[in-house]
């Protein structure tokens, strides 16, 4: 089955977001002695420190999504991954006009890039920071991951 990675028409995407949860993949990237948080440029969580991540494509295997997202969003081309678990997020914003809320179901992966690999952010993020604990100004789901998945322990 072919992977469908094409852009979903806005009206179709809005209908999906209004009626069902969205499967996503979030990355906990171990980098330079901590984990990476990125500042988002899109809703939900626009302007907040959050985990890199993206939607799962139709017909894409979960274990293939994490390296794809690491390369697309962070420029990391050689990574090891480990599935940590599943979370769920409830948002009172959305990136689509006319959609007032969003429910995402992220499958969370630990990602470890090869030593010395440099990160390059895509246009969804304007900055990153490497942390060993949740910063006070991070999105609430950052703290949840630290607790649930023993990050920084």
Protein backbone atom coordinates (compact mmCIF):
# COMPACT_ATOMS: atom_id res chain seq x y z
CA UNK A 1 0.00 0.00 0.00
CA UNK A 2 1.38 3.39 -0.98
CA UNK A 3 2.02 6.01 1.69
CA UNK A 4 -0.21 9.05 1.30
CA UNK A 5 1.92 12.04 2.27
CA UNK A 6 0.21 14.61 0.10
CA UNK A 7 -1.36 17.72 1.57
CA UNK A 8 -4.93 17.12 2.65
CA UNK A 9 -7.35 19.73 1.27
CA UNK A 10 -8.20 22.21 4.02
CA UNK A 11 -11.93 21.49 4.04
CA UNK A 12 -11.31 17.74 4.28
CA UNK A 13 -8.74 18.20 7.03
CA UNK A 14 -11.14 20.47 8.95
CA UNK A 15 -13.86 17.80 8.76
CA UNK A 16 -11.42 15.19 10.07
CA UNK A 17 -10.25 17.40 12.96
CA UNK A 18 -13.85 18.25 13.88
CA UNK A 19 -14.89 14.60 14.05
CA UNK A 20 -12.00 12.39 15.13
CA UNK A 21 -8.66 12.28 16.92
CA UNK A 22 -5.53 12.74 14.85
CA UNK A 23 -2.74 10.15 15.13
CA UNK A 24 0.68 11.81 15.47
CA UNK A 25 4.25 10.96 16.36
CA UNK A 26 6.15 13.04 18.94
CA UNK A 27 9.93 12.85 19.34
CA UNK A 28 11.96 12.96 22.54
CA UNK A 29 15.35 13.62 20.99
CA UNK A 30 18.38 12.95 23.19
CA UNK A 31 20.96 15.55 22.20
CA UNK A 32 24.03 17.13 23.84
CA UNK A 33 23.29 15.73 27.32
CA UNK A 34 19.57 16.51 27.42
CA UNK A 35 16.45 16.41 25.27
CA UNK A 36 15.34 18.80 22.54
CA UNK A 37 12.36 21.11 22.78
CA UNK A 38 11.41 23.28 19.83
CA UNK A 39 9.43 26.51 19.77
CA UNK A 40 6.42 25.95 17.53
CA UNK A 41 5.37 28.36 14.80
CA UNK A 42 1.98 26.69 14.15
CA UNK A 43 -1.09 25.91 16.23
CA UNK A 44 -1.68 24.11 18.40
CA UNK A 45 0.90 25.35 20.90
CA UNK A 46 2.11 28.18 18.67
CA UNK A 47 4.98 30.06 20.35
CA UNK A 48 5.40 27.39 23.03
CA UNK A 49 8.26 25.02 23.78
CA UNK A 50 7.13 21.57 22.76
CA UNK A 51 8.29 18.24 21.38
CA UNK A 52 9.03 17.98 17.67
CA UNK A 53 6.41 15.89 15.93
CA UNK A 54 3.98 15.52 13.09
CA UNK A 55 0.98 13.58 11.83
CA UNK A 56 1.18 9.98 10.80
CA UNK A 57 0.63 9.43 7.09
CA UNK A 58 -1.89 6.90 5.83
CA UNK A 59 -0.16 3.52 5.25
CA UNK A 60 3.00 4.68 7.08
CA UNK A 61 4.35 2.30 9.71
CA UNK A 62 4.82 3.89 13.12
CA UNK A 63 8.46 2.87 13.33
CA UNK A 64 9.12 4.55 9.96
CA UNK A 65 7.45 7.81 10.99
CA UNK A 66 9.90 8.72 13.77
CA UNK A 67 13.03 8.80 11.54
CA UNK A 68 11.06 10.59 8.80
CA UNK A 69 9.98 13.31 11.22
CA UNK A 70 13.48 13.60 12.73
CA UNK A 71 14.86 14.27 9.26
CA UNK A 72 12.04 16.53 8.03
CA UNK A 73 11.78 18.74 11.13
CA UNK A 74 15.29 18.57 12.58
CA UNK A 75 17.56 17.56 9.69
CA UNK A 76 18.71 14.43 11.55
CA UNK A 77 19.42 11.72 8.98
CA UNK A 78 20.81 8.88 11.08
CA UNK A 79 18.88 8.06 14.25
CA UNK A 80 18.05 5.16 16.51
CA UNK A 81 14.49 5.06 17.80
CA UNK A 82 12.56 3.43 20.64
CA UNK A 83 8.81 3.58 21.11
CA UNK A 84 8.02 4.92 24.59
CA UNK A 85 4.23 4.85 24.59
CA UNK A 86 1.08 6.73 23.68
CA UNK A 87 -0.31 9.98 25.01
CA UNK A 88 -3.35 12.08 24.20
CA UNK A 89 -3.62 15.82 23.91
CA UNK A 90 -6.68 18.02 24.01
CA UNK A 91 -6.23 21.45 22.45
CA UNK A 92 -8.54 24.46 22.48
CA UNK A 93 -6.92 25.76 19.27
CA UNK A 94 -6.23 24.45 15.81
CA UNK A 95 -4.17 25.32 12.76
CA UNK A 96 -7.29 25.22 10.56
CA UNK A 97 -9.68 28.19 10.36
CA UNK A 98 -13.14 27.29 11.64
CA UNK A 99 -11.88 24.40 13.78
CA UNK A 100 -12.02 25.41 17.44
CA UNK A 101 -10.30 22.43 19.03
CA UNK A 102 -8.15 19.44 18.30
CA UNK A 103 -7.61 16.00 19.82
CA UNK A 104 -4.28 14.36 19.01
CA UNK A 105 -3.03 10.88 19.87
CA UNK A 106 0.76 11.03 19.73
CA UNK A 107 2.84 7.89 19.73
CA UNK A 108 5.98 8.97 21.56
CA UNK A 109 9.47 7.91 20.46
CA UNK A 110 12.89 8.36 22.00
CA UNK A 111 15.27 9.39 19.21
CA UNK A 112 19.05 9.24 19.46
CA UNK A 113 20.99 10.79 16.55
CA UNK A 114 24.49 9.72 15.60
CA UNK A 115 27.20 11.53 17.58
CA UNK A 116 28.08 14.90 16.11
CA UNK A 117 25.05 15.16 13.85
CA UNK A 118 23.93 18.80 13.63
CA UNK A 119 20.28 19.83 13.83
CA UNK A 120 18.65 22.08 11.24
CA UNK A 121 15.12 23.24 12.02
CA UNK A 122 12.39 23.37 9.41
CA UNK A 123 10.02 26.35 9.15
CA UNK A 124 7.61 24.91 11.75
CA UNK A 125 10.09 25.85 14.50
CA UNK A 126 12.08 29.00 15.09
CA UNK A 127 14.37 27.81 17.90
CA UNK A 128 15.38 24.82 19.95
CA UNK A 129 16.79 24.27 23.39
CA UNK A 130 18.33 21.25 25.07
CA UNK A 131 16.93 20.66 28.56
CA UNK A 132 17.24 18.14 31.37
CA UNK A 133 13.95 19.10 33.02
CA UNK A 134 10.79 20.83 31.86
CA UNK A 135 11.25 24.60 31.64
CA UNK A 136 8.65 26.73 33.40
CA UNK A 137 7.48 28.19 30.07
CA UNK A 138 7.05 24.84 28.29
CA UNK A 139 3.71 23.43 27.22
CA UNK A 140 2.02 21.30 29.91
CA UNK A 141 2.46 18.13 27.86
CA UNK A 142 6.25 18.53 28.11
CA UNK A 143 6.04 17.97 31.89
CA UNK A 144 3.71 15.02 31.32
CA UNK A 145 6.28 13.27 29.11
CA UNK A 146 9.08 13.87 31.60
CA UNK A 147 6.97 12.16 34.28
CA UNK A 148 5.35 9.37 32.25
CA UNK A 149 8.37 8.31 30.23
CA UNK A 150 11.13 8.82 32.85
CA UNK A 151 12.92 11.47 30.83
CA UNK A 152 15.93 13.00 32.52
CA UNK A 153 15.99 10.23 35.13
